[in-house]
Amino acid sequence: MIEDVVKISGLTHAEFFKRPSNQWVLACLDLVEGLLESVKQTHIEEESNTYITHCEND
């Protein structure tokens, strides 16, 4: 989603994230990273989880 929003804006990633009006995207990224970390902690006993790996790679 973020890649699409930045692309539509016509700005570089650096330009996009420097704009105060786009700080909500960084807040969403922080939330997603926190949720992913919670999922990882919940499944810590698992050797590998393809869903978690896929999310981390994206």
PDB file of N, CA and C in Angstrom:
ATOM      1  N   MET A   1       0.806  -1.172   0.000  1.00  0.00           N
ATOM      2  CA  MET A   1       0.000   0.000   0.000  1.00  0.00           C
ATOM      3  C   MET A   1       0.867   1.261   0.000  1.00  0.00           C
ATOM      4  N   ILE A   2       1.888   1.257   0.812  1.00  0.00           N
ATOM      5  CA  ILE A   2       2.748   2.439   0.923  1.00  0.00           C
ATOM      6  C   ILE A   2       3.435   2.726  -0.400  1.00  0.00           C
ATOM      7  N   GLU A   3       3.910   1.688  -1.052  1.00  0.00           N
ATOM      8  CA  GLU A   3       4.561   1.884  -2.348  1.00  0.00           C
ATOM      9  C   GLU A   3       3.603   2.556  -3.328  1.00  0.00           C
ATOM     10  N   ASP A   4       2.344   2.123  -3.327  1.00  0.00           N
ATOM     11  CA  ASP A   4       1.352   2.709  -4.233  1.00  0.00           C
ATOM     12  C   ASP A   4       1.076   4.169  -3.896  1.00  0.00           C
ATOM     13  N   VAL A   5       0.955   4.486  -2.620  1.00  0.00           N
ATOM     14  CA  VAL A   5       0.677   5.861  -2.202  1.00  0.00           C
ATOM     15  C   VAL A   5       1.838   6.782  -2.595  1.00  0.00           C
ATOM     16  N   VAL A   6       3.063   6.332  -2.366  1.00  0.00           N
ATOM     17  CA  VAL A   6       4.231   7.134  -2.724  1.00  0.00           C
ATOM     18  C   VAL A   6       4.286   7.316  -4.240  1.00  0.00           C
ATOM     19  N   LYS A   7       4.035   6.255  -4.972  1.00  0.00           N
ATOM     20  CA  LYS A   7       4.063   6.327  -6.434  1.00  0.00           C
ATOM     21  C   LYS A   7       3.025   7.317  -6.960  1.00  0.00           C
ATOM     22  N   ILE A   8       1.821   7.267  -6.422  1.00  0.00           N
ATOM     23  CA  ILE A   8       0.755   8.174  -6.840  1.00  0.00           C
ATOM     24  C   ILE A   8       1.116   9.626  -6.535  1.00  0.00           C
ATOM     25  N   SER A   9       1.829   9.846  -5.432  1.00  0.00           N
ATOM     26  CA  SER A   9       2.187  11.206  -5.039  1.00  0.00           C
ATOM     27  C   SER A   9       3.155  11.856  -6.026  1.00  0.00           C
ATOM     28  N   GLY A  10       3.918  11.028  -6.748  1.00  0.00           N
ATOM     29  CA  GLY A  10       4.904  11.552  -7.679  1.00  0.00           C
ATOM     30  C   GLY A  10       6.185  12.021  -7.003  1.00  0.00           C
ATOM     31  N   LEU A  11       6.315  11.751  -5.707  1.00  0.00           N
ATOM     32  CA  LEU A  11       7.488  12.153  -4.935  1.00  0.00           C
ATOM     33  C   LEU A  11       8.414  10.968  -4.737  1.00  0.00           C
ATOM     34  N   THR A  12       9.641  11.257  -4.338  1.00  0.00           N
ATOM     35  CA  THR A  12      10.537  10.177  -3.907  1.00  0.00           C
ATOM     36  C   THR A  12      10.105   9.764  -2.508  1.00  0.00           C
ATOM     37  N   HIS A  13      10.595   8.622  -2.045  1.00  0.00           N
ATOM     38  CA  HIS A  13      10.263   8.182  -0.687  1.00  0.00           C
ATOM     39  C   HIS A  13      10.696   9.237   0.330  1.00  0.00           C
ATOM     40  N   ALA A  14      11.897   9.764   0.170  1.00  0.00           N
ATOM     41  CA  ALA A  14      12.419  10.753   1.122  1.00  0.00           C
ATOM     42  C   ALA A  14      11.540  11.998   1.139  1.00  0.00           C
ATOM     43  N   GLU A  15      11.167  12.493  -0.036  1.00  0.00           N
ATOM     44  CA  GLU A  15      10.313  13.682  -0.104  1.00  0.00           C
ATOM     45  C   GLU A  15       8.947  13.412   0.533  1.00  0.00           C
ATOM     46  N   PHE A  16       8.397  12.244   0.236  1.00  0.00           N
ATOM     47  CA  PHE A  16       7.074  11.886   0.748  1.00  0.00           C
ATOM     48  C   PHE A  16       7.050  11.863   2.268  1.00  0.00           C
ATOM     49  N   PHE A  17       8.046  11.195   2.863  1.00  0.00           N
ATOM     50  CA  PHE A  17       8.034  11.022   4.316  1.00  0.00           C
ATOM     51  C   PHE A  17       8.468  12.268   5.075  1.00  0.00           C
ATOM     52  N   LYS A  18       9.065  13.234   4.400  1.00  0.00           N
ATOM     53  CA  LYS A  18       9.441  14.487   5.057  1.00  0.00           C
ATOM     54  C   LYS A  18       8.248  15.432   5.220  1.00  0.00           C
ATOM     55  N   ARG A  19       7.215  15.224   4.435  1.00  0.00           N
ATOM     56  CA  ARG A  19       6.050  16.105   4.502  1.00  0.00           C
ATOM     57  C   ARG A  19       5.236  15.813   5.758  1.00  0.00           C
ATOM     58  N   PRO A  20       4.945  16.839   6.547  1.00  0.00           N
ATOM     59  CA  PRO A  20       4.157  16.631   7.770  1.00  0.00           C
ATOM     60  C   PRO A  20       2.786  15.992   7.515  1.00  0.00           C
ATOM     61  N   SER A  21       2.196  16.277   6.380  1.00  0.00           N
ATOM     62  CA  SER A  21       0.871  15.722   6.083  1.00  0.00           C
ATOM     63  C   SER A  21       0.905  14.211   5.840  1.00  0.00           C
ATOM     64  N   ASN A  22       2.074  13.647   5.648  1.00  0.00           N
ATOM     65  CA  ASN A  22       2.201  12.215   5.390  1.00  0.00           C
ATOM     66  C   ASN A  22       2.719  11.437   6.597  1.00  0.00           C
ATOM     67  N   GLN A  23       2.790  12.069   7.729  1.00  0.00           N
ATOM     68  CA  GLN A  23       3.298  11.396   8.930  1.00  0.00           C
ATOM     69  C   GLN A  23       2.384  10.265   9.388  1.00  0.00           C
ATOM     70  N   TRP A  24       1.130  10.302   8.961  1.00  0.00           N
ATOM     71  CA  TRP A  24       0.207   9.222   9.312  1.00  0.00           C
ATOM     72  C   TRP A  24       0.686   7.891   8.744  1.00  0.00           C
ATOM     73  N   VAL A  25       1.369   7.930   7.599  1.00  0.00           N
ATOM     74  CA  VAL A  25       1.877   6.694   7.002  1.00  0.00           C
ATOM     75  C   VAL A  25       2.957   6.098   7.898  1.00  0.00           C
ATOM     76  N   LEU A  26       3.831   6.933   8.435  1.00  0.00           N
ATOM     77  CA  LEU A  26       4.862   6.439   9.354  1.00  0.00           C
ATOM     78  C   LEU A  26       4.235   5.878  10.618  1.00  0.00           C
ATOM     79  N   ALA A  27       3.170   6.518  11.098  1.00  0.00           N
ATOM     80  CA  ALA A  27       2.472   6.011  12.285  1.00  0.00           C
ATOM     81  C   ALA A  27       1.870   4.636  11.995  1.00  0.00           C
ATOM     82  N   CYS A  28       1.319   4.462  10.803  1.00  0.00           N
ATOM     83  CA  CYS A  28       0.768   3.151  10.418  1.00  0.00           C
ATOM     84  C   CYS A  28       1.865   2.103  10.327  1.00  0.00           C
ATOM     85  N   LEU A  29       3.017   2.476   9.788  1.00  0.00           N
ATOM     86  CA  LEU A  29       4.149   1.547   9.711  1.00  0.00           C
ATOM     87  C   LEU A  29       4.592   1.106  11.101  1.00  0.00           C
ATOM     88  N   ASP A  30       4.656   2.051  12.023  1.00  0.00           N
ATOM     89  CA  ASP A  30       5.029   1.713  13.399  1.00  0.00           C
ATOM     90  C   ASP A  30       4.035   0.735  14.010  1.00  0.00           C
ATOM     91  N   LEU A  31       2.754   0.979  13.763  1.00  0.00           N
ATOM     92  CA  LEU A  31       1.717   0.088  14.287  1.00  0.00           C
ATOM     93  C   LEU A  31       1.858  -1.309  13.698  1.00  0.00           C
ATOM     94  N   VAL A  32       2.052  -1.391  12.397  1.00  0.00           N
ATOM     95  CA  VAL A  32       2.194  -2.687  11.726  1.00  0.00           C
ATOM     96  C   VAL A  32       3.413  -3.436  12.244  1.00  0.00           C
ATOM     97  N   GLU A  33       4.522  -2.727  12.413  1.00  0.00           N
ATOM     98  CA  GLU A  33       5.732  -3.381  12.927  1.00  0.00           C
ATOM     99  C   GLU A  33       5.515  -3.898  14.346  1.00  0.00           C
ATOM    100  N   GLY A  34       4.800  -3.146  15.156  1.00  0.00           N
ATOM    101  CA  GLY A  34       4.497  -3.599  16.516  1.00  0.00           C
ATOM    102  C   GLY A  34       3.602  -4.828  16.518  1.00  0.00           C
ATOM    103  N   LEU A  35       2.608  -4.829  15.638  1.00  0.00           N
ATOM    104  CA  LEU A  35       1.713  -5.993  15.542  1.00  0.00           C
ATOM    105  C   LEU A  35       2.460  -7.221  15.038  1.00  0.00           C
ATOM    106  N   LEU A  36       3.328  -7.035  14.063  1.00  0.00           N
ATOM    107  CA  LEU A  36       4.114  -8.154  13.554  1.00  0.00           C
ATOM    108  C   LEU A  36       5.024  -8.711  14.642  1.00  0.00           C
ATOM    109  N   GLU A  37       5.613  -7.845  15.430  1.00  0.00           N
ATOM    110  CA  GLU A  37       6.463  -8.303  16.533  1.00  0.00           C
ATOM    111  C   GLU A  37       5.647  -9.099  17.555  1.00  0.00           C
ATOM    112  N   SER A  38       4.410  -8.683  17.807  1.00  0.00           N
ATOM    113  CA  SER A  38       3.531  -9.423  18.721  1.00  0.00           C
ATOM    114  C   SER A  38       3.224 -10.809  18.181  1.00  0.00           C
ATOM    115  N   VAL A  39       2.976 -10.899  16.891  1.00  0.00           N
ATOM    116  CA  VAL A  39       2.705 -12.199  16.273  1.00  0.00           C
ATOM    117  C   VAL A  39       3.935 -13.088  16.380  1.00  0.00           C
ATOM    118  N   LYS A  40       5.110 -12.512  16.136  1.00  0.00           N
ATOM    119  CA  LYS A  40       6.346 -13.288  16.241  1.00  0.00           C
ATOM    120  C   LYS A  40       6.533 -13.820  17.656  1.00  0.00           C
ATOM    121  N   GLN A  41       6.229 -13.014  18.661  1.00  0.00           N
ATOM    122  CA  GLN A  41       6.387 -13.454  20.047  1.00  0.00           C
ATOM    123  C   GLN A  41       5.384 -14.554  20.390  1.00  0.00           C
ATOM    124  N   THR A  42       4.196 -14.473  19.816  1.00  0.00           N
ATOM    125  CA  THR A  42       3.171 -15.489  20.053  1.00  0.00           C
ATOM    126  C   THR A  42       3.583 -16.830  19.466  1.00  0.00           C
ATOM    127  N   HIS A  43       4.297 -16.787  18.362  1.00  0.00           N
ATOM    128  CA  HIS A  43       4.692 -18.014  17.660  1.00  0.00           C
ATOM    129  C   HIS A  43       6.196 -18.272  17.802  1.00  0.00           C
ATOM    130  N   ILE A  44       6.766 -17.860  18.914  1.00  0.00           N
ATOM    131  CA  ILE A  44       8.212 -17.956  19.109  1.00  0.00           C
ATOM    132  C   ILE A  44       8.708 -19.406  19.128  1.00  0.00           C
ATOM    133  N   GLU A  45       7.850 -20.333  19.528  1.00  0.00           N
ATOM    134  CA  GLU A  45       8.278 -21.730  19.579  1.00  0.00           C
ATOM    135  C   GLU A  45       8.412 -22.331  18.195  1.00  0.00           C
ATOM    136  N   GLU A  46       7.714 -21.764  17.220  1.00  0.00           N
ATOM    137  CA  GLU A  46       7.771 -22.301  15.865  1.00  0.00           C
ATOM    138  C   GLU A  46       9.125 -21.993  15.237  1.00  0.00           C
ATOM    139  N   GLU A  47       9.649 -22.972  14.546  1.00  0.00           N
ATOM    140  CA  GLU A  47      10.944 -22.788  13.894  1.00  0.00           C
ATOM    141  C   GLU A  47      10.832 -21.797  12.739  1.00  0.00           C
ATOM    142  N   SER A  48       9.761 -21.911  11.967  1.00  0.00           N
ATOM    143  CA  SER A  48       9.570 -21.037  10.819  1.00  0.00           C
ATOM    144  C   SER A  48       8.074 -20.868  10.578  1.00  0.00           C
ATOM    145  N   ASN A  49       7.676 -19.663  10.243  1.00  0.00           N
ATOM    146  CA  ASN A  49       6.293 -19.378   9.926  1.00  0.00           C
ATOM    147  C   ASN A  49       6.287 -18.620   8.604  1.00  0.00           C
ATOM    148  N   THR A  50       5.709 -19.233   7.577  1.00  0.00           N
ATOM    149  CA  THR A  50       5.757 -18.633   6.248  1.00  0.00           C
ATOM    150  C   THR A  50       5.019 -17.304   6.185  1.00  0.00           C
ATOM    151  N   TYR A  51       3.940 -17.155   6.934  1.00  0.00           N
ATOM    152  CA  TYR A  51       3.198 -15.895   6.929  1.00  0.00           C
ATOM    153  C   TYR A  51       4.050 -14.764   7.507  1.00  0.00           C
ATOM    154  N   ILE A  52       4.710 -15.031   8.618  1.00  0.00           N
ATOM    155  CA  ILE A  52       5.566 -14.022   9.246  1.00  0.00           C
ATOM    156  C   ILE A  52       6.721 -13.665   8.308  1.00  0.00           C
ATOM    157  N   THR A  53       7.339 -14.659   7.711  1.00  0.00           N
ATOM    158  CA  THR A  53       8.436 -14.413   6.776  1.00  0.00           C
ATOM    159  C   THR A  53       7.960 -13.565   5.603  1.00  0.00           C
ATOM    160  N   HIS A  54       6.800 -13.881   5.073  1.00  0.00           N
ATOM    161  CA  HIS A  54       6.243 -13.108   3.963  1.00  0.00           C
ATOM    162  C   HIS A  54       6.007 -11.644   4.367  1.00  0.00           C
ATOM    163  N   CYS A  55       5.432 -11.425   5.532  1.00  0.00           N
ATOM    164  CA  CYS A  55       5.172 -10.064   6.013  1.00  0.00           C
ATOM    165  C   CYS A  55       6.475  -9.289   6.237  1.00  0.00           C
ATOM    166  N   GLU A  56       7.462  -9.947   6.806  1.00  0.00           N
ATOM    167  CA  GLU A  56       8.740  -9.282   7.036  1.00  0.00           C
ATOM    168  C   GLU A  56       9.401  -8.889   5.716  1.00  0.00           C
ATOM    169  N   ASN A  57       9.303  -9.740   4.725  1.00  0.00           N
ATOM    170  CA  ASN A  57       9.909  -9.454   3.427  1.00  0.00           C
ATOM    171  C   ASN A  57       9.204  -8.321   2.702  1.00  0.00           C
ATOM    172  N   ASP A  58       7.902  -8.215   2.883  1.00  0.00           N
ATOM    173  CA  ASP A  58       7.160  -7.126   2.239  1.00  0.00           C
ATOM    174  C   ASP A  58       7.437  -5.830   2.950  1.00  0.00           C
TER     175      ASP A  58
END
